[in-house]
Amino acid sequence: MLALQGGDGAAVRAADLRVVVPTRTEAAAEPRGVVLEGAVGERLTVVQAPGSLGAEAAVELRAGGVLRRSDVGAGATPDTSAVWIQGPATALEDSVVSGGSAAVHVTALGPTLIARMRVEATGVSEAAVRCDGCNGLDVVSSELRLGGAARGLESRGEPYRPAMVDASHLTVVGRGSDATVGVAAVTPQAPYTTASVHVDNSILHRVARALVATAAAGGPGASVTAVRSNYDPAATSRPAPQSCTNRCGRRSTPASSTRPTTTCGWRTTRS
């Protein structure tokens, strides 16, 4: 494992390395490939060992950790992630990430940036980018590619930890599967939490459902808002034909959005 920890203004950096994540039988029960805390990793290639059962996270970003211009791949194993962002003031930039049940898993309480990324969620993947009770996550100018039944960007509220995500210039591309979802907000632990996603200037293409908001009964709920965004017109799943007005003032037939009650192609909210 490569573990770097900075502090007191010291510049700690690793670059141009290939790291093989050990199997669970070779090292700790939950091995890592790279751990960055107050440190920067650049041009790293992180891969799973052949035949590995998979690590909980191939790369872990703790407070102040930054990963740039790197390639990270996790094994096709449930309950794993390629990159786990669990500390604030972290950044994941200009990289390619794939594999795991959540390719990028964010649990940080504080500002977190995901920018100019390509994230691939295939096989056992449940989501390309998943926020579990995180707040302050910004996803910018990134491409999320989906396969199977994966969700592109998911905001999931945790007990007493509301999840808040902002995304701009996001592209989510599915493969035409009936099970893929572009953007989702979920609060399985309501009434103790909320979840929200705001999407701006984005494209959701070839997904079965573009926007999904799901909340348990009795809670404050989940919401997804899309502004100046484009949906695949063939990806339509709604209880009845509707139309609504986006914030640019144009009338539009809504694209696919699914929720327990009211559905609208530009705003989906659980009341």
Protein backbone atom coordinates (compact mmCIF):
# COMPACT_ATOMS: atom_id res chain seq x y z
CA MET A 1 0.00 0.00 0.00
CA LEU A 2 1.14 3.54 -0.79
CA ALA A 3 0.13 5.89 2.06
CA LEU A 4 1.07 9.58 2.02
CA GLN A 5 0.28 12.06 4.79
CA GLY A 6 1.09 15.75 4.63
CA GLY A 7 0.73 18.51 7.18
CA ASP A 8 2.09 21.79 8.48
CA GLY A 9 2.37 23.15 4.95
CA ALA A 10 4.65 20.36 3.78
CA ALA A 11 4.33 19.41 0.09
CA VAL A 12 3.85 15.65 -0.11
CA ARG A 13 3.43 14.22 -3.59
CA ALA A 14 3.67 10.93 -5.48
CA ALA A 15 3.77 10.70 -9.27
CA ASP A 16 4.28 8.26 -12.14
CA LEU A 17 3.72 5.06 -10.17
CA ARG A 18 1.85 1.80 -10.74
CA VAL A 19 0.22 0.38 -7.61
CA VAL A 20 -1.30 -3.11 -7.35
CA VAL A 21 -4.00 -3.43 -4.70
CA PRO A 22 -3.42 -6.59 -2.63
CA THR A 23 -6.08 -9.20 -2.15
CA ARG A 24 -7.90 -9.50 1.16
CA THR A 25 -5.97 -12.64 1.97
CA GLU A 26 -2.58 -11.02 1.33
CA ALA A 27 -2.96 -8.04 3.66
CA ALA A 28 -5.57 -6.51 5.93
CA ALA A 29 -9.17 -7.56 5.71
CA GLU A 30 -9.93 -4.28 3.93
CA PRO A 31 -6.77 -3.41 1.98
CA ARG A 32 -6.14 -0.19 0.09
CA GLY A 33 -3.90 0.54 -2.84
CA VAL A 34 -3.31 4.25 -2.20
CA VAL A 35 -4.22 6.48 0.77
CA LEU A 36 -3.76 10.25 0.40
CA GLU A 37 -4.21 12.61 3.36
CA GLY A 38 -3.06 16.17 2.87
CA ALA A 39 -1.08 14.85 -0.11
CA VAL A 40 -1.26 14.78 -3.92
CA GLY A 41 -1.13 11.81 -6.26
CA GLU A 42 -0.52 12.40 -9.98
CA ARG A 43 -0.28 10.07 -12.96
CA LEU A 44 -0.90 6.99 -10.82
CA THR A 45 -2.13 3.69 -12.22
CA VAL A 46 -3.95 1.66 -9.57
CA VAL A 47 -5.16 -1.86 -10.40
CA GLN A 48 -6.45 -4.94 -8.59
CA ALA A 49 -4.19 -7.96 -8.16
CA PRO A 50 -5.17 -10.81 -10.51
CA GLY A 51 -7.84 -12.99 -8.92
CA SER A 52 -8.34 -10.53 -6.08
CA LEU A 53 -11.55 -10.55 -4.06
CA GLY A 54 -11.41 -6.76 -4.24
CA ALA A 55 -10.49 -4.06 -1.77
CA GLU A 56 -13.01 -1.88 0.01
CA ALA A 57 -11.36 0.99 -1.89
CA ALA A 58 -8.49 0.98 -4.36
CA VAL A 59 -7.81 4.66 -3.52
CA GLU A 60 -8.88 6.46 -0.36
CA LEU A 61 -8.85 10.27 -0.17
CA ARG A 62 -8.79 11.59 3.37
CA ALA A 63 -8.86 15.26 4.41
CA GLY A 64 -6.88 17.36 1.94
CA GLY A 65 -6.14 14.46 -0.41
CA VAL A 66 -5.96 15.15 -4.16
CA LEU A 67 -5.77 12.68 -7.06
CA ARG A 68 -5.08 13.97 -10.59
CA ARG A 69 -4.43 12.57 -14.06
CA SER A 70 -4.64 8.97 -12.87
CA ASP A 71 -6.26 5.68 -13.85
CA VAL A 72 -7.98 3.65 -11.12
CA GLY A 73 -9.73 0.32 -11.58
CA ALA A 74 -11.51 -1.77 -8.95
CA GLY A 75 -12.55 -5.39 -9.20
CA ALA A 76 -16.07 -6.56 -9.98
CA THR A 77 -16.86 -7.17 -6.32
CA PRO A 78 -19.91 -5.98 -4.33
CA ASP A 79 -19.40 -3.44 -1.52
CA THR A 80 -16.23 -1.99 -3.00
CA SER A 81 -15.25 1.26 -4.70
CA ALA A 82 -12.46 2.38 -6.97
CA VAL A 83 -12.15 5.71 -5.12
CA TRP A 84 -13.51 6.41 -1.65
CA ILE A 85 -13.61 10.11 -0.72
CA GLN A 86 -14.12 10.26 3.04
CA GLY A 87 -12.44 13.55 4.01
CA PRO A 88 -13.24 17.23 3.30
CA ALA A 89 -11.20 19.60 1.12
CA THR A 90 -10.51 16.76 -1.31
CA ALA A 91 -10.36 16.70 -5.12
CA LEU A 92 -10.55 14.04 -7.82
CA GLU A 93 -9.58 15.52 -11.18
CA ASP A 94 -8.71 14.65 -14.79
CA SER A 95 -8.77 10.89 -14.19
CA VAL A 96 -10.45 7.68 -15.34
CA VAL A 97 -12.14 5.54 -12.68
CA SER A 98 -13.99 2.24 -13.10
CA GLY A 99 -15.29 -0.79 -11.21
CA GLY A 100 -16.65 -1.52 -7.77
CA SER A 101 -20.25 -1.32 -6.60
CA ALA A 102 -19.79 2.47 -6.48
CA ALA A 103 -16.95 3.59 -8.72
CA VAL A 104 -16.62 6.83 -6.74
CA HIS A 105 -18.04 6.71 -3.20
CA VAL A 106 -18.27 10.00 -1.30
CA THR A 107 -18.95 10.19 2.45
CA ALA A 108 -17.08 13.44 3.17
CA LEU A 109 -18.67 16.13 5.35
CA GLY A 110 -17.32 19.23 3.68
CA PRO A 111 -16.25 20.63 0.31
CA THR A 112 -15.39 17.96 -2.25
CA LEU A 113 -14.64 18.42 -5.95
CA ILE A 114 -14.95 15.89 -8.78
CA ALA A 115 -13.90 17.57 -12.03
CA ARG A 116 -13.15 16.57 -15.63
CA MET A 117 -13.56 12.89 -14.85
CA ARG A 118 -14.57 9.80 -16.78
CA VAL A 119 -16.27 7.30 -14.50
CA GLU A 120 -17.44 3.89 -15.72
CA ALA A 121 -20.04 1.88 -13.82
CA THR A 122 -20.52 -1.59 -15.28
CA GLY A 123 -20.90 -5.18 -14.14
CA VAL A 124 -21.84 -5.22 -10.44
CA SER A 125 -21.82 -1.43 -10.21
CA GLU A 126 -24.76 0.21 -8.50
CA ALA A 127 -23.64 3.80 -9.19
CA ALA A 128 -20.92 5.75 -10.97
CA VAL A 129 -20.80 8.47 -8.28
CA ARG A 130 -22.64 7.93 -5.00
CA CYS A 131 -22.88 10.42 -2.13
CA ASP A 132 -23.83 8.82 1.20
CA GLY A 133 -24.69 11.59 3.65
CA CYS A 134 -22.11 13.92 2.13
CA ASN A 135 -22.59 17.66 1.82
CA GLY A 136 -20.71 20.10 -0.35
CA LEU A 137 -20.04 17.73 -3.28
CA ASP A 138 -19.54 19.47 -6.65
CA VAL A 139 -19.34 17.41 -9.84
CA VAL A 140 -18.08 19.46 -12.80
CA SER A 141 -17.47 18.73 -16.49
CA SER A 142 -17.46 14.95 -16.04
CA GLU A 143 -18.70 11.96 -18.01
CA LEU A 144 -20.44 9.01 -16.34
CA ARG A 145 -20.85 5.83 -18.41
CA LEU A 146 -23.39 3.26 -17.26
CA GLY A 147 -24.06 -0.40 -17.83
CA GLY A 148 -26.30 -2.99 -16.22
CA ALA A 149 -28.64 -1.37 -13.69
CA ALA A 150 -26.30 1.40 -12.59
CA ARG A 151 -27.21 4.93 -11.55
CA GLY A 152 -25.14 7.82 -12.78
CA LEU A 153 -25.13 10.35 -9.93
CA GLU A 154 -26.87 9.34 -6.70
CA SER A 155 -27.43 11.42 -3.56
CA ARG A 156 -28.39 9.24 -0.59
CA GLY A 157 -29.38 10.70 2.76
CA GLU A 158 -28.09 9.02 5.89
CA PRO A 159 -29.65 9.31 9.39
CA TYR A 160 -29.19 12.92 10.56
CA ARG A 161 -26.80 13.50 7.61
CA PRO A 162 -28.57 15.16 4.67
CA ALA A 163 -26.93 14.63 1.29
CA MET A 164 -26.45 17.65 -1.01
CA VAL A 165 -24.92 17.46 -4.48
CA ASP A 166 -24.44 20.05 -7.23
CA ALA A 167 -23.50 19.05 -10.77
CA SER A 168 -22.79 21.17 -13.83
CA HIS A 169 -21.81 20.23 -17.38
CA LEU A 170 -22.39 16.58 -16.53
CA THR A 171 -22.84 13.91 -19.20
CA VAL A 172 -24.47 10.61 -18.25
CA VAL A 173 -24.53 7.96 -20.98
CA GLY A 174 -26.27 4.60 -20.65
CA ARG A 175 -26.50 1.67 -23.02
CA GLY A 176 -30.23 1.71 -23.50
CA SER A 177 -30.86 -0.67 -20.59
CA ASP A 178 -34.32 -0.63 -19.00
CA ALA A 179 -32.76 -0.35 -15.53
CA THR A 180 -30.30 2.57 -15.79
CA VAL A 181 -30.95 5.88 -14.03
CA GLY A 182 -29.35 9.23 -14.83
CA VAL A 183 -29.64 11.20 -11.56
CA ALA A 184 -31.25 10.06 -8.31
CA ALA A 185 -31.97 11.33 -4.80
CA VAL A 186 -32.86 8.71 -2.19
CA THR A 187 -33.76 8.93 1.50
CA PRO A 188 -34.27 5.38 2.77
CA GLN A 189 -33.92 6.53 6.41
CA ALA A 190 -36.62 9.24 6.39
CA PRO A 191 -37.85 11.09 8.46
CA TYR A 192 -34.34 11.62 9.77
CA THR A 193 -32.69 13.00 6.63
CA THR A 194 -33.06 14.60 3.20
CA ALA A 195 -31.30 14.21 -0.15
CA SER A 196 -31.01 16.65 -3.03
CA VAL A 197 -29.30 16.97 -6.40
CA HIS A 198 -29.15 20.11 -8.54
CA VAL A 199 -28.10 19.54 -12.16
CA ASP A 200 -27.20 22.39 -14.51
CA ASN A 201 -26.26 22.43 -18.23
CA SER A 202 -26.10 18.65 -18.43
CA ILE A 203 -26.97 15.76 -20.77
CA LEU A 204 -28.61 12.47 -19.77
CA HIS A 205 -28.58 10.08 -22.72
CA ARG A 206 -29.83 6.50 -23.27
CA VAL A 207 -30.97 5.99 -19.67
CA ALA A 208 -34.28 4.37 -18.79
CA ARG A 209 -35.14 7.06 -16.23
CA ALA A 210 -33.50 10.46 -16.22
CA LEU A 211 -34.53 11.79 -12.80
CA VAL A 212 -35.62 9.74 -9.80
CA ALA A 213 -36.56 10.95 -6.32
CA THR A 214 -37.47 8.34 -3.71
CA ALA A 215 -38.25 8.92 -0.06
CA ALA A 216 -39.72 6.84 2.74
CA ALA A 217 -43.14 7.86 3.95
CA GLY A 218 -43.33 10.57 6.60
CA GLY A 219 -39.99 12.24 5.86
CA PRO A 220 -39.04 15.65 4.49
CA GLY A 221 -38.16 13.91 1.25
CA ALA A 222 -35.80 13.88 -1.70
CA SER A 223 -35.52 16.28 -4.63
CA VAL A 224 -33.82 16.43 -8.02
CA THR A 225 -33.72 19.70 -9.97
CA ALA A 226 -32.47 19.98 -13.56
CA VAL A 227 -31.88 23.36 -15.21
CA ARG A 228 -30.92 24.02 -18.85
CA SER A 229 -30.36 20.30 -19.35
CA ASN A 230 -31.08 17.84 -22.14
CA TYR A 231 -32.69 14.41 -21.87
CA ASP A 232 -32.86 11.61 -24.38
CA PRO A 233 -36.42 11.89 -25.77
CA ALA A 234 -36.56 8.10 -26.22
CA ALA A 235 -35.93 7.55 -22.50
CA THR A 236 -39.42 8.35 -21.27
CA SER A 237 -41.01 6.81 -18.21
CA ARG A 238 -43.72 8.81 -16.47
CA PRO A 239 -47.24 8.13 -15.19
CA ALA A 240 -48.96 10.40 -17.71
CA PRO A 241 -48.05 12.89 -20.48
CA GLN A 242 -47.15 16.27 -19.01
CA SER A 243 -45.40 19.47 -19.96
CA CYS A 244 -43.59 22.01 -17.86
CA THR A 245 -41.45 25.11 -18.11
CA ASN A 246 -37.74 25.09 -17.50
CA ARG A 247 -35.92 28.07 -16.06
CA CYS A 248 -35.02 29.36 -19.53
CA GLY A 249 -38.74 29.90 -20.08
CA ARG A 250 -39.19 27.38 -22.90
CA ARG A 251 -42.09 24.97 -22.96
CA SER A 252 -40.91 21.40 -23.06
CA THR A 253 -42.30 17.90 -23.06
CA PRO A 254 -40.66 16.36 -20.02
CA ALA A 255 -38.10 13.64 -20.35
CA SER A 256 -38.07 10.58 -18.18
CA SER A 257 -38.53 11.23 -14.47
CA THR A 258 -39.98 8.80 -11.99
CA ARG A 259 -41.16 9.39 -8.40
CA PRO A 260 -43.85 8.02 -6.12
CA THR A 261 -46.29 10.89 -6.78
CA THR A 262 -45.88 13.88 -9.13
CA THR A 263 -43.37 13.77 -11.97
CA CYS A 264 -41.95 16.55 -14.13
CA GLY A 265 -39.06 16.40 -16.59
CA TRP A 266 -37.32 19.49 -15.18
CA ARG A 267 -38.04 19.15 -11.48
CA THR A 268 -38.84 16.06 -9.49
CA THR A 269 -39.57 16.45 -5.80
CA ARG A 270 -41.08 14.24 -3.11
CA SER A 271 -43.73 16.18 -1.18
